[in-house]
All heavy atoms as atom14 arrays in JSON, in Angstrom:
{
  "sequence": "RRRYDRLAEIDPHHLPGQSELVQQLTPRWGGTWADALAFARERAA",
  "atom14_mask": [
    [1, 1, 1, 1, 1, 1, 1, 1, 1, 1, 1, 0, 0, 0],
    [1, 1, 1, 1, 1, 1, 1, 1, 1, 1, 1, 0, 0, 0],
    [1, 1, 1, 1, 1, 1, 1, 1, 1, 1, 1, 0, 0, 0],
    [1, 1, 1, 1, 1, 1, 1, 1, 1, 1, 1, 1, 0, 0],
    [1, 1, 1, 1, 1, 1, 1, 1, 0, 0, 0, 0, 0, 0],
    [1, 1, 1, 1, 1, 1, 1, 1, 1, 1, 1, 0, 0, 0],
    [1, 1, 1, 1, 1, 1, 1, 1, 0, 0, 0, 0, 0, 0],
    [1, 1, 1, 1, 1, 0, 0, 0, 0, 0, 0, 0, 0, 0],
    [1, 1, 1, 1, 1, 1, 1, 1, 1, 0, 0, 0, 0, 0],
    [1, 1, 1, 1, 1, 1, 1, 1, 0, 0, 0, 0, 0, 0],
    [1, 1, 1, 1, 1, 1, 1, 1, 0, 0, 0, 0, 0, 0],
    [1, 1, 1, 1, 1, 1, 1, 0, 0, 0, 0, 0, 0, 0],
    [1, 1, 1, 1, 1, 1, 1, 1, 1, 1, 0, 0, 0, 0],
    [1, 1, 1, 1, 1, 1, 1, 1, 1, 1, 0, 0, 0, 0],
    [1, 1, 1, 1, 1, 1, 1, 1, 0, 0, 0, 0, 0, 0],
    [1, 1, 1, 1, 1, 1, 1, 0, 0, 0, 0, 0, 0, 0],
    [1, 1, 1, 1, 0, 0, 0, 0, 0, 0, 0, 0, 0, 0],
    [1, 1, 1, 1, 1, 1, 1, 1, 1, 0, 0, 0, 0, 0],
    [1, 1, 1, 1, 1, 1, 0, 0, 0, 0, 0, 0, 0, 0],
    [1, 1, 1, 1, 1, 1, 1, 1, 1, 0, 0, 0, 0, 0],
    [1, 1, 1, 1, 1, 1, 1, 1, 0, 0, 0, 0, 0, 0],
    [1, 1, 1, 1, 1, 1, 1, 0, 0, 0, 0, 0, 0, 0],
    [1, 1, 1, 1, 1, 1, 1, 1, 1, 0, 0, 0, 0, 0],
    [1, 1, 1, 1, 1, 1, 1, 1, 1, 0, 0, 0, 0, 0],
    [1, 1, 1, 1, 1, 1, 1, 1, 0, 0, 0, 0, 0, 0],
    [1, 1, 1, 1, 1, 1, 1, 0, 0, 0, 0, 0, 0, 0],
    [1, 1, 1, 1, 1, 1, 1, 0, 0, 0, 0, 0, 0, 0],
    [1, 1, 1, 1, 1, 1, 1, 1, 1, 1, 1, 0, 0, 0],
    [1, 1, 1, 1, 1, 1, 1, 1, 1, 1, 1, 1, 1, 1],
    [1, 1, 1, 1, 0, 0, 0, 0, 0, 0, 0, 0, 0, 0],
    [1, 1, 1, 1, 0, 0, 0, 0, 0, 0, 0, 0, 0, 0],
    [1, 1, 1, 1, 1, 1, 1, 0, 0, 0, 0, 0, 0, 0],
    [1, 1, 1, 1, 1, 1, 1, 1, 1, 1, 1, 1, 1, 1],
    [1, 1, 1, 1, 1, 0, 0, 0, 0, 0, 0, 0, 0, 0],
    [1, 1, 1, 1, 1, 1, 1, 1, 0, 0, 0, 0, 0, 0],
    [1, 1, 1, 1, 1, 0, 0, 0, 0, 0, 0, 0, 0, 0],
    [1, 1, 1, 1, 1, 1, 1, 1, 0, 0, 0, 0, 0, 0],
    [1, 1, 1, 1, 1, 0, 0, 0, 0, 0, 0, 0, 0, 0],
    [1, 1, 1, 1, 1, 1, 1, 1, 1, 1, 1, 0, 0, 0],
    [1, 1, 1, 1, 1, 0, 0, 0, 0, 0, 0, 0, 0, 0],
    [1, 1, 1, 1, 1, 1, 1, 1, 1, 1, 1, 0, 0, 0],
    [1, 1, 1, 1, 1, 1, 1, 1, 1, 0, 0, 0, 0, 0],
    [1, 1, 1, 1, 1, 1, 1, 1, 1, 1, 1, 0, 0, 0],
    [1, 1, 1, 1, 1, 0, 0, 0, 0, 0, 0, 0, 0, 0],
    [1, 1, 1, 1, 1, 0, 0, 0, 0, 0, 0, 0, 0, 0]
  ],
  "atom14_positions": [
    [[-14.49, -19.33, -3.65], [-14.73, -19.68, -2.23], [-13.46, -20.14, -1.54], [-13.23, -19.83, -0.37], [-15.82, -20.75, -2.14], [-17.24, -20.22, -2.33], [-18.25, -21.26, -1.91], [-19.62, -20.82, -2.03], [-20.28, -20.14, -1.08], [-19.66, -19.81, 0.04], [-21.54, -19.79, -1.26], [0.0, 0.0, 0.0], [0.0, 0.0, 0.0], [0.0, 0.0, 0.0]],
    [[-12.64, -20.89, -2.25], [-11.38, -21.34, -1.64], [-10.51, -20.15, -1.26], [-9.96, -20.09, -0.16], [-10.61, -22.24, -2.62], [-9.35, -22.87, -2.02], [-8.48, -23.52, -3.07], [-7.78, -22.54, -3.89], [-6.65, -21.92, -3.52], [-6.11, -22.17, -2.34], [-6.08, -21.05, -4.33], [0.0, 0.0, 0.0], [0.0, 0.0, 0.0], [0.0, 0.0, 0.0]],
    [[-10.42, -19.2, -2.15], [-9.6, -18.01, -1.86], [-10.23, -17.18, -0.74], [-9.51, -16.65, 0.11], [-9.41, -17.18, -3.14], [-8.62, -17.93, -4.2], [-8.32, -17.09, -5.43], [-7.65, -17.91, -6.44], [-6.95, -17.44, -7.46], [-6.84, -16.13, -7.65], [-6.36, -18.26, -8.32], [0.0, 0.0, 0.0], [0.0, 0.0, 0.0], [0.0, 0.0, 0.0]],
    [[-11.55, -17.08, -0.75], [-12.18, -16.33, 0.33], [-11.97, -17.02, 1.68], [-11.74, -16.34, 2.7], [-13.68, -16.13, 0.09], [-14.3, -15.45, 1.29], [-14.1, -14.08, 1.5], [-14.98, -16.18, 2.27], [-14.58, -13.46, 2.63], [-15.46, -15.55, 3.41], [-15.25, -14.2, 3.58], [-15.71, -13.58, 4.72], [0.0, 0.0, 0.0], [0.0, 0.0, 0.0]],
    [[-12.04, -18.34, 1.7], [-11.82, -19.06, 2.96], [-10.42, -18.77, 3.53], [-10.27, -18.65, 4.76], [-11.99, -20.56, 2.74], [-13.44, -20.97, 2.54], [-14.34, -20.14, 2.84], [-13.69, -22.09, 2.05], [0.0, 0.0, 0.0], [0.0, 0.0, 0.0], [0.0, 0.0, 0.0], [0.0, 0.0, 0.0], [0.0, 0.0, 0.0], [0.0, 0.0, 0.0]],
    [[-9.43, -18.64, 2.67], [-8.09, -18.28, 3.14], [-8.1, -16.87, 3.74], [-7.46, -16.62, 4.76], [-7.08, -18.36, 1.99], [-6.81, -19.77, 1.49], [-6.14, -20.64, 2.55], [-4.89, -20.07, 3.04], [-3.72, -20.24, 2.47], [-3.6, -20.98, 1.38], [-2.63, -19.69, 3.0], [0.0, 0.0, 0.0], [0.0, 0.0, 0.0], [0.0, 0.0, 0.0]],
    [[-8.81, -15.98, 3.08], [-8.93, -14.6, 3.61], [-9.64, -14.59, 4.95], [-9.21, -13.92, 5.9], [-9.68, -13.73, 2.6], [-10.11, -12.34, 3.07], [-8.91, -11.48, 3.44], [-10.96, -11.65, 2.01], [0.0, 0.0, 0.0], [0.0, 0.0, 0.0], [0.0, 0.0, 0.0], [0.0, 0.0, 0.0], [0.0, 0.0, 0.0], [0.0, 0.0, 0.0]],
    [[-10.73, -15.35, 5.05], [-11.53, -15.35, 6.28], [-10.74, -15.9, 7.47], [-11.0, -15.52, 8.62], [-12.81, -16.16, 6.08], [0.0, 0.0, 0.0], [0.0, 0.0, 0.0], [0.0, 0.0, 0.0], [0.0, 0.0, 0.0], [0.0, 0.0, 0.0], [0.0, 0.0, 0.0], [0.0, 0.0, 0.0], [0.0, 0.0, 0.0], [0.0, 0.0, 0.0]],
    [[-9.79, -16.8, 7.21], [-8.94, -17.3, 8.29], [-8.1, -16.17, 8.88], [-7.77, -16.19, 10.07], [-8.02, -18.4, 7.76], [-8.74, -19.69, 7.39], [-7.81, -20.69, 6.72], [-6.6, -20.36, 6.57], [-8.28, -21.77, 6.32], [0.0, 0.0, 0.0], [0.0, 0.0, 0.0], [0.0, 0.0, 0.0], [0.0, 0.0, 0.0], [0.0, 0.0, 0.0]],
    [[-7.76, -15.19, 8.06], [-6.93, -14.07, 8.49], [-7.79, -12.96, 9.09], [-7.47, -12.4, 10.14], [-6.13, -13.5, 7.29], [-5.33, -14.6, 6.61], [-5.24, -12.34, 7.74], [-4.88, -14.23, 5.21], [0.0, 0.0, 0.0], [0.0, 0.0, 0.0], [0.0, 0.0, 0.0], [0.0, 0.0, 0.0], [0.0, 0.0, 0.0], [0.0, 0.0, 0.0]],
    [[-8.88, -12.64, 8.4], [-9.76, -11.54, 8.82], [-11.19, -11.91, 8.44], [-11.6, -11.75, 7.29], [-9.34, -10.24, 8.13], [-10.17, -9.04, 8.59], [-11.15, -9.24, 9.33], [-9.84, -7.9, 8.21], [0.0, 0.0, 0.0], [0.0, 0.0, 0.0], [0.0, 0.0, 0.0], [0.0, 0.0, 0.0], [0.0, 0.0, 0.0], [0.0, 0.0, 0.0]],
    [[-11.99, -12.41, 9.39], [-13.34, -12.87, 9.06], [-14.32, -11.77, 8.7], [-15.42, -12.06, 8.23], [-13.78, -13.58, 10.36], [-12.97, -12.94, 11.44], [-11.64, -12.63, 10.8], [0.0, 0.0, 0.0], [0.0, 0.0, 0.0], [0.0, 0.0, 0.0], [0.0, 0.0, 0.0], [0.0, 0.0, 0.0], [0.0, 0.0, 0.0], [0.0, 0.0, 0.0]],
    [[-13.92, -10.51, 8.87], [-14.83, -9.41, 8.55], [-14.22, -8.46, 7.52], [-14.51, -7.26, 7.51], [-15.17, -8.63, 9.83], [-15.74, -9.48, 10.92], [-16.89, -10.21, 10.76], [-15.29, -9.71, 12.18], [-17.15, -10.86, 11.89], [-16.2, -10.59, 12.76], [0.0, 0.0, 0.0], [0.0, 0.0, 0.0], [0.0, 0.0, 0.0], [0.0, 0.0, 0.0]],
    [[-13.39, -8.98, 6.63], [-12.71, -8.14, 5.65], [-13.68, -7.8, 4.51], [-13.85, -8.57, 3.56], [-11.47, -8.86, 5.11], [-10.44, -7.93, 4.55], [-9.61, -7.17, 5.33], [-10.13, -7.61, 3.26], [-8.82, -6.44, 4.57], [-9.12, -6.68, 3.31], [0.0, 0.0, 0.0], [0.0, 0.0, 0.0], [0.0, 0.0, 0.0], [0.0, 0.0, 0.0]],
    [[-14.29, -6.64, 4.62], [-15.38, -6.27, 3.71], [-14.97, -6.24, 2.24], [-15.75, -6.71, 1.4], [-15.97, -4.93, 4.13], [-17.13, -4.39, 3.27], [-18.26, -5.39, 3.18], [-17.63, -3.05, 3.82], [0.0, 0.0, 0.0], [0.0, 0.0, 0.0], [0.0, 0.0, 0.0], [0.0, 0.0, 0.0], [0.0, 0.0, 0.0], [0.0, 0.0, 0.0]],
    [[-13.82, -5.69, 1.85], [-13.5, -5.7, 0.42], [-13.5, -7.1, -0.2], [-13.99, -7.31, -1.31], [-12.09, -5.07, 0.38], [-12.03, -4.22, 1.61], [-12.78, -4.98, 2.65], [0.0, 0.0, 0.0], [0.0, 0.0, 0.0], [0.0, 0.0, 0.0], [0.0, 0.0, 0.0], [0.0, 0.0, 0.0], [0.0, 0.0, 0.0], [0.0, 0.0, 0.0]],
    [[-12.96, -8.07, 0.53], [-12.97, -9.43, 0.04], [-14.36, -10.03, 0.02], [-14.73, -10.79, -0.89], [0.0, 0.0, 0.0], [0.0, 0.0, 0.0], [0.0, 0.0, 0.0], [0.0, 0.0, 0.0], [0.0, 0.0, 0.0], [0.0, 0.0, 0.0], [0.0, 0.0, 0.0], [0.0, 0.0, 0.0], [0.0, 0.0, 0.0], [0.0, 0.0, 0.0]],
    [[-15.16, -9.71, 1.02], [-16.54, -10.2, 1.06], [-17.34, -9.67, -0.12], [-18.14, -10.39, -0.73], [-17.18, -9.81, 2.39], [-16.59, -10.54, 3.58], [-17.12, -10.04, 4.91], [-17.62, -8.92, 5.01], [-16.98, -10.86, 5.94], [0.0, 0.0, 0.0], [0.0, 0.0, 0.0], [0.0, 0.0, 0.0], [0.0, 0.0, 0.0], [0.0, 0.0, 0.0]],
    [[-17.14, -8.4, -0.45], [-17.84, -7.82, -1.6], [-17.42, -8.52, -2.9], [-18.25, -8.73, -3.79], [-17.55, -6.33, -1.7], [-18.13, -5.62, -0.63], [0.0, 0.0, 0.0], [0.0, 0.0, 0.0], [0.0, 0.0, 0.0], [0.0, 0.0, 0.0], [0.0, 0.0, 0.0], [0.0, 0.0, 0.0], [0.0, 0.0, 0.0], [0.0, 0.0, 0.0]],
    [[-16.14, -8.87, -2.99], [-15.68, -9.6, -4.17], [-16.37, -10.95, -4.29], [-16.76, -11.37, -5.38], [-14.16, -9.8, -4.11], [-13.35, -8.55, -4.39], [-13.52, -8.05, -5.81], [-13.75, -8.86, -6.73], [-13.45, -6.82, -6.01], [0.0, 0.0, 0.0], [0.0, 0.0, 0.0], [0.0, 0.0, 0.0], [0.0, 0.0, 0.0], [0.0, 0.0, 0.0]],
    [[-16.55, -11.64, -3.16], [-17.19, -12.95, -3.24], [-18.68, -12.82, -3.55], [-19.24, -13.66, -4.26], [-16.98, -13.75, -1.95], [-17.44, -15.21, -2.06], [-16.66, -15.95, -3.14], [-17.31, -15.94, -0.74], [0.0, 0.0, 0.0], [0.0, 0.0, 0.0], [0.0, 0.0, 0.0], [0.0, 0.0, 0.0], [0.0, 0.0, 0.0], [0.0, 0.0, 0.0]],
    [[-19.34, -11.78, -3.05], [-20.73, -11.56, -3.44], [-20.84, -11.48, -4.96], [-21.73, -12.08, -5.57], [-21.3, -10.29, -2.78], [-22.63, -9.89, -3.44], [-21.53, -10.51, -1.29], [0.0, 0.0, 0.0], [0.0, 0.0, 0.0], [0.0, 0.0, 0.0], [0.0, 0.0, 0.0], [0.0, 0.0, 0.0], [0.0, 0.0, 0.0], [0.0, 0.0, 0.0]],
    [[-19.93, -10.73, -5.58], [-19.94, -10.64, -7.05], [-19.73, -12.02, -7.67], [-20.43, -12.4, -8.61], [-18.83, -9.68, -7.51], [-19.08, -8.23, -7.18], [-20.14, -7.61, -8.07], [-20.38, -8.05, -9.19], [-20.81, -6.6, -7.55], [0.0, 0.0, 0.0], [0.0, 0.0, 0.0], [0.0, 0.0, 0.0], [0.0, 0.0, 0.0], [0.0, 0.0, 0.0]],
    [[-18.75, -12.76, -7.16], [-18.45, -14.08, -7.7], [-19.66, -15.02, -7.62], [-19.87, -15.87, -8.5], [-17.27, -14.7, -6.95], [-16.9, -16.12, -7.36], [-16.29, -16.2, -8.74], [-15.13, -15.84, -8.92], [-17.05, -16.66, -9.73], [0.0, 0.0, 0.0], [0.0, 0.0, 0.0], [0.0, 0.0, 0.0], [0.0, 0.0, 0.0], [0.0, 0.0, 0.0]],
    [[-20.45, -14.87, -6.57], [-21.58, -15.78, -6.34], [-22.83, -15.43, -7.14], [-23.82, -16.14, -7.07], [-21.91, -15.82, -4.84], [-20.83, -16.43, -3.94], [-21.22, -16.3, -2.47], [-20.58, -17.89, -4.3], [0.0, 0.0, 0.0], [0.0, 0.0, 0.0], [0.0, 0.0, 0.0], [0.0, 0.0, 0.0], [0.0, 0.0, 0.0], [0.0, 0.0, 0.0]],
    [[-22.8, -14.33, -7.89], [-23.96, -13.97, -8.72], [-23.97, -14.81, -9.99], [-22.93, -15.34, -10.41], [-23.94, -12.48, -9.09], [-22.8, -12.2, -9.91], [-23.93, -11.6, -7.84], [0.0, 0.0, 0.0], [0.0, 0.0, 0.0], [0.0, 0.0, 0.0], [0.0, 0.0, 0.0], [0.0, 0.0, 0.0], [0.0, 0.0, 0.0], [0.0, 0.0, 0.0]],
    [[-25.13, -14.92, -10.64], [-25.21, -15.73, -11.87], [-24.26, -15.27, -12.98], [-23.79, -16.09, -13.77], [-26.67, -15.55, -12.3], [-27.41, -15.31, -11.03], [-26.47, -14.49, -10.19], [0.0, 0.0, 0.0], [0.0, 0.0, 0.0], [0.0, 0.0, 0.0], [0.0, 0.0, 0.0], [0.0, 0.0, 0.0], [0.0, 0.0, 0.0], [0.0, 0.0, 0.0]],
    [[-23.95, -13.97, -13.03], [-23.06, -13.47, -14.08], [-21.69, -14.14, -14.03], [-21.01, -14.29, -15.04], [-22.9, -11.96, -13.94], [-21.94, -11.34, -14.93], [-21.99, -9.83, -14.92], [-22.0, -9.25, -13.59], [-21.92, -7.94, -13.34], [-21.87, -7.09, -14.35], [-21.92, -7.49, -12.11], [0.0, 0.0, 0.0], [0.0, 0.0, 0.0], [0.0, 0.0, 0.0]],
    [[-21.29, -14.58, -12.81], [-19.96, -15.17, -12.65], [-20.02, -16.64, -12.25], [-19.07, -17.19, -11.72], [-19.15, -14.37, -11.63], [-18.94, -12.95, -12.05], [-19.61, -11.85, -11.61], [-18.01, -12.48, -13.04], [-19.17, -10.72, -12.24], [-18.18, -11.07, -13.12], [-17.06, -13.09, -13.85], [-17.42, -10.28, -14.0], [-16.3, -12.3, -14.72], [-16.49, -10.92, -14.78]],
    [[-21.16, -17.27, -12.49], [-21.27, -18.71, -12.28], [-22.01, -19.15, -11.04], [-22.12, -20.35, -10.79], [0.0, 0.0, 0.0], [0.0, 0.0, 0.0], [0.0, 0.0, 0.0], [0.0, 0.0, 0.0], [0.0, 0.0, 0.0], [0.0, 0.0, 0.0], [0.0, 0.0, 0.0], [0.0, 0.0, 0.0], [0.0, 0.0, 0.0], [0.0, 0.0, 0.0]],
    [[-22.51, -18.21, -10.25], [-23.22, -18.55, -9.03], [-24.73, -18.44, -9.19], [-25.27, -18.54, -10.3], [0.0, 0.0, 0.0], [0.0, 0.0, 0.0], [0.0, 0.0, 0.0], [0.0, 0.0, 0.0], [0.0, 0.0, 0.0], [0.0, 0.0, 0.0], [0.0, 0.0, 0.0], [0.0, 0.0, 0.0], [0.0, 0.0, 0.0], [0.0, 0.0, 0.0]],
    [[-25.41, -18.24, -8.08], [-26.86, -18.07, -8.08], [-27.21, -16.91, -7.15], [-26.45, -16.57, -6.25], [-27.58, -19.34, -7.57], [-27.29, -19.53, -6.18], [-27.15, -20.57, -8.36], [0.0, 0.0, 0.0], [0.0, 0.0, 0.0], [0.0, 0.0, 0.0], [0.0, 0.0, 0.0], [0.0, 0.0, 0.0], [0.0, 0.0, 0.0], [0.0, 0.0, 0.0]],
    [[-28.39, -16.33, -7.37], [-28.83, -15.26, -6.47], [-28.98, -15.78, -5.05], [-28.65, -15.08, -4.09], [-30.15, -14.66, -6.96], [-30.08, -13.99, -8.28], [-30.86, -14.23, -9.38], [-29.19, -12.92, -8.67], [-30.51, -13.41, -10.42], [-29.49, -12.58, -10.01], [-28.17, -12.23, -8.02], [-28.8, -11.59, -10.71], [-27.48, -11.24, -8.7], [-27.8, -10.93, -10.03]],
    [[-29.45, -17.01, -4.92], [-29.63, -17.58, -3.59], [-28.29, -17.68, -2.86], [-28.2, -17.35, -1.66], [-30.27, -18.97, -3.69], [0.0, 0.0, 0.0], [0.0, 0.0, 0.0], [0.0, 0.0, 0.0], [0.0, 0.0, 0.0], [0.0, 0.0, 0.0], [0.0, 0.0, 0.0], [0.0, 0.0, 0.0], [0.0, 0.0, 0.0], [0.0, 0.0, 0.0]],
    [[-27.25, -18.09, -3.57], [-25.93, -18.2, -2.94], [-25.38, -16.83, -2.55], [-24.82, -16.66, -1.47], [-24.94, -18.89, -3.9], [-25.2, -20.38, -4.02], [-25.93, -20.94, -3.18], [-24.68, -20.99, -4.98], [0.0, 0.0, 0.0], [0.0, 0.0, 0.0], [0.0, 0.0, 0.0], [0.0, 0.0, 0.0], [0.0, 0.0, 0.0], [0.0, 0.0, 0.0]],
    [[-25.53, -15.86, -3.44], [-25.02, -14.52, -3.16], [-25.72, -13.91, -1.96], [-25.08, -13.33, -1.07], [-25.2, -13.62, -4.39], [0.0, 0.0, 0.0], [0.0, 0.0, 0.0], [0.0, 0.0, 0.0], [0.0, 0.0, 0.0], [0.0, 0.0, 0.0], [0.0, 0.0, 0.0], [0.0, 0.0, 0.0], [0.0, 0.0, 0.0], [0.0, 0.0, 0.0]],
    [[-27.03, -14.05, -1.9], [-27.79, -13.49, -0.78], [-27.51, -14.23, 0.52], [-27.41, -13.62, 1.59], [-29.29, -13.51, -1.1], [-29.76, -12.44, -2.07], [-31.16, -12.76, -2.61], [-29.78, -11.06, -1.39], [0.0, 0.0, 0.0], [0.0, 0.0, 0.0], [0.0, 0.0, 0.0], [0.0, 0.0, 0.0], [0.0, 0.0, 0.0], [0.0, 0.0, 0.0]],
    [[-27.37, -15.55, 0.43], [-27.09, -16.33, 1.65], [-25.75, -15.92, 2.25], [-25.64, -15.74, 3.48], [-27.09, -17.82, 1.31], [0.0, 0.0, 0.0], [0.0, 0.0, 0.0], [0.0, 0.0, 0.0], [0.0, 0.0, 0.0], [0.0, 0.0, 0.0], [0.0, 0.0, 0.0], [0.0, 0.0, 0.0], [0.0, 0.0, 0.0], [0.0, 0.0, 0.0]],
    [[-24.74, -15.76, 1.41], [-23.43, -15.34, 1.91], [-23.51, -13.93, 2.51], [-22.97, -13.66, 3.59], [-22.4, -15.38, 0.79], [-21.06, -14.83, 1.19], [-20.2, -15.58, 1.99], [-20.66, -13.56, 0.8], [-18.96, -15.08, 2.38], [-19.43, -13.04, 1.19], [-18.58, -13.81, 1.98], [0.0, 0.0, 0.0], [0.0, 0.0, 0.0], [0.0, 0.0, 0.0]],
    [[-24.18, -13.02, 1.8], [-24.3, -11.64, 2.29], [-25.0, -11.6, 3.65], [-24.56, -10.91, 4.57], [-25.07, -10.8, 1.27], [0.0, 0.0, 0.0], [0.0, 0.0, 0.0], [0.0, 0.0, 0.0], [0.0, 0.0, 0.0], [0.0, 0.0, 0.0], [0.0, 0.0, 0.0], [0.0, 0.0, 0.0], [0.0, 0.0, 0.0], [0.0, 0.0, 0.0]],
    [[-26.07, -12.34, 3.78], [-26.81, -12.35, 5.05], [-25.96, -12.94, 6.18], [-25.94, -12.43, 7.3], [-28.08, -13.18, 4.88], [-29.16, -12.52, 4.02], [-30.2, -13.51, 3.58], [-31.26, -12.88, 2.8], [-31.96, -13.51, 1.85], [-31.7, -14.79, 1.57], [-32.9, -12.86, 1.18], [0.0, 0.0, 0.0], [0.0, 0.0, 0.0], [0.0, 0.0, 0.0]],
    [[-25.26, -14.0, 5.86], [-24.43, -14.68, 6.87], [-23.35, -13.75, 7.41], [-23.15, -13.62, 8.62], [-23.8, -15.92, 6.24], [-22.74, -16.61, 7.09], [-21.95, -17.6, 6.28], [-22.56, -18.52, 5.7], [-20.71, -17.46, 6.21], [0.0, 0.0, 0.0], [0.0, 0.0, 0.0], [0.0, 0.0, 0.0], [0.0, 0.0, 0.0], [0.0, 0.0, 0.0]],
    [[-22.62, -13.09, 6.5], [-21.52, -12.23, 6.93], [-22.02, -10.93, 7.55], [-21.37, -10.36, 8.44], [-20.58, -11.93, 5.77], [-19.92, -13.15, 5.14], [-19.58, -14.26, 6.11], [-18.75, -13.8, 7.23], [-18.63, -14.45, 8.37], [-19.3, -15.57, 8.59], [-17.86, -13.97, 9.32], [0.0, 0.0, 0.0], [0.0, 0.0, 0.0], [0.0, 0.0, 0.0]],
    [[-23.16, -10.45, 7.11], [-23.74, -9.26, 7.74], [-24.15, -9.55, 9.18], [-23.88, -8.77, 10.09], [-24.95, -8.79, 6.93], [0.0, 0.0, 0.0], [0.0, 0.0, 0.0], [0.0, 0.0, 0.0], [0.0, 0.0, 0.0], [0.0, 0.0, 0.0], [0.0, 0.0, 0.0], [0.0, 0.0, 0.0], [0.0, 0.0, 0.0], [0.0, 0.0, 0.0]],
    [[-24.78, -10.69, 9.38], [-25.23, -11.06, 10.73], [-24.05, -11.32, 11.66], [-24.14, -11.05, 12.87], [-26.11, -12.31, 10.65], [0.0, 0.0, 0.0], [0.0, 0.0, 0.0], [0.0, 0.0, 0.0], [0.0, 0.0, 0.0], [0.0, 0.0, 0.0], [0.0, 0.0, 0.0], [0.0, 0.0, 0.0], [0.0, 0.0, 0.0], [0.0, 0.0, 0.0]]
  ]
}
């Protein structure tokens, strides 16, 4: 999230980076489905 926040300061709609964070937020990489979906919905909207 820290690295993504730096990216978002430069380009708030940078899809490749957003897709990377969705992966990071899944349980396989230490997150939760709720977190991954919440981020995806937020950036999509």
